[in-house]
Structure formats: C-alpha cells, structure tokens
C-alpha cells in the first residue's frame, strides 16, 4: 500500500507542476493556446489516473 501512496503522491506533484505551468502560460502577454490546450489535457489525464487509484 505504501508504494501505491507514493505513486499517487508523485502523480499529484506532477499535477501541481502542470497547474503552475498553466497558470504561468495564462498570465503571459500572449498565451500560446496550443500549449495551454496540451497542458490542460495532460493535467486532466493525470487527474483521471489519480482518481482511478
């Protein structure tokens, strides 16, 4: 069970890092919509993986 918790913690950390990247991109003078879309897609996929455990 400990290994599963550490895996979820690692996924959560990656999810948080993606959130920070999305936030940074959103606040740029000219946000890259394609990059934002990809980051949000990655974040959603991670969220789904986390909640599947």
C-alpha atoms as a PDB file:
ATOM      1  CA  UNK A   1       0.000   0.000   0.000  1.00  0.00           C
ATOM      2  CA  UNK A   2       2.911   2.361   0.715  1.00  0.00           C
ATOM      3  CA  UNK A   3       4.102   2.076  -2.856  1.00  0.00           C
ATOM      4  CA  UNK A   4       0.655   2.984  -4.164  1.00  0.00           C
ATOM      5  CA  UNK A   5       0.562   6.054  -1.917  1.00  0.00           C
ATOM      6  CA  UNK A   6       3.984   7.190  -3.115  1.00  0.00           C
ATOM      7  CA  UNK A   7       2.868   6.686  -6.730  1.00  0.00           C
ATOM      8  CA  UNK A   8      -0.232   8.809  -6.123  1.00  0.00           C
ATOM      9  CA  UNK A   9       1.903  11.432  -4.367  1.00  0.00           C
ATOM     10  CA  UNK A  10       4.225  11.574  -7.389  1.00  0.00           C
ATOM     11  CA  UNK A  11       1.254  11.922  -9.735  1.00  0.00           C
ATOM     12  CA  UNK A  12      -0.185  14.675  -7.536  1.00  0.00           C
ATOM     13  CA  UNK A  13       3.142  16.506  -7.621  1.00  0.00           C
ATOM     14  CA  UNK A  14       3.181  16.326 -11.436  1.00  0.00           C
ATOM     15  CA  UNK A  15      -0.439  17.528 -11.480  1.00  0.00           C
ATOM     16  CA  UNK A  16       0.526  20.516  -9.325  1.00  0.00           C
ATOM     17  CA  UNK A  17       3.518  21.298 -11.579  1.00  0.00           C
ATOM     18  CA  UNK A  18       1.231  21.276 -14.623  1.00  0.00           C
ATOM     19  CA  UNK A  19      -1.146  23.629 -12.815  1.00  0.00           C
ATOM     20  CA  UNK A  20       1.735  26.056 -12.232  1.00  0.00           C
ATOM     21  CA  UNK A  21       2.756  25.853 -15.909  1.00  0.00           C
ATOM     22  CA  UNK A  22      -0.840  26.535 -16.969  1.00  0.00           C
ATOM     23  CA  UNK A  23      -1.027  29.483 -14.590  1.00  0.00           C
ATOM     24  CA  UNK A  24       2.269  30.904 -15.898  1.00  0.00           C
ATOM     25  CA  UNK A  25       1.223  30.489 -19.539  1.00  0.00           C
ATOM     26  CA  UNK A  26      -2.153  32.106 -18.867  1.00  0.00           C
ATOM     27  CA  UNK A  27      -0.524  35.209 -17.420  1.00  0.00           C
ATOM     28  CA  UNK A  28       1.957  35.723 -20.263  1.00  0.00           C
ATOM     29  CA  UNK A  29       1.300  38.741 -22.511  1.00  0.00           C
ATOM     30  CA  UNK A  30       0.439  36.438 -25.449  1.00  0.00           C
ATOM     31  CA  UNK A  31      -0.522  32.978 -24.148  1.00  0.00           C
ATOM     32  CA  UNK A  32       0.054  30.078 -26.524  1.00  0.00           C
ATOM     33  CA  UNK A  33      -3.390  28.495 -26.900  1.00  0.00           C
ATOM     34  CA  UNK A  34      -1.988  25.263 -28.318  1.00  0.00           C
ATOM     35  CA  UNK A  35       0.423  24.888 -25.381  1.00  0.00           C
ATOM     36  CA  UNK A  36      -2.372  25.683 -22.916  1.00  0.00           C
ATOM     37  CA  UNK A  37      -4.596  23.059 -24.515  1.00  0.00           C
ATOM     38  CA  UNK A  38      -1.845  20.415 -24.309  1.00  0.00           C
ATOM     39  CA  UNK A  39      -1.019  21.267 -20.684  1.00  0.00           C
ATOM     40  CA  UNK A  40      -4.683  21.104 -19.686  1.00  0.00           C
ATOM     41  CA  UNK A  41      -5.085  17.787 -21.489  1.00  0.00           C
ATOM     42  CA  UNK A  42      -2.055  16.361 -19.635  1.00  0.00           C
ATOM     43  CA  UNK A  43      -3.409  17.671 -16.339  1.00  0.00           C
ATOM     44  CA  UNK A  44      -6.818  16.086 -16.919  1.00  0.00           C
ATOM     45  CA  UNK A  45      -5.227  12.757 -17.848  1.00  0.00           C
ATOM     46  CA  UNK A  46      -3.193  12.822 -14.628  1.00  0.00           C
ATOM     47  CA  UNK A  47      -6.282  13.700 -12.599  1.00  0.00           C
ATOM     48  CA  UNK A  48      -8.136  10.743 -14.115  1.00  0.00           C
ATOM     49  CA  UNK A  49      -5.193   8.453 -13.282  1.00  0.00           C
ATOM     50  CA  UNK A  50      -5.051   9.718  -9.693  1.00  0.00           C
ATOM     51  CA  UNK A  51      -8.780   9.214  -9.123  1.00  0.00           C
ATOM     52  CA  UNK A  52      -8.656   5.755 -10.716  1.00  0.00           C
ATOM     53  CA  UNK A  53      -6.418   4.608  -7.831  1.00  0.00           C
END
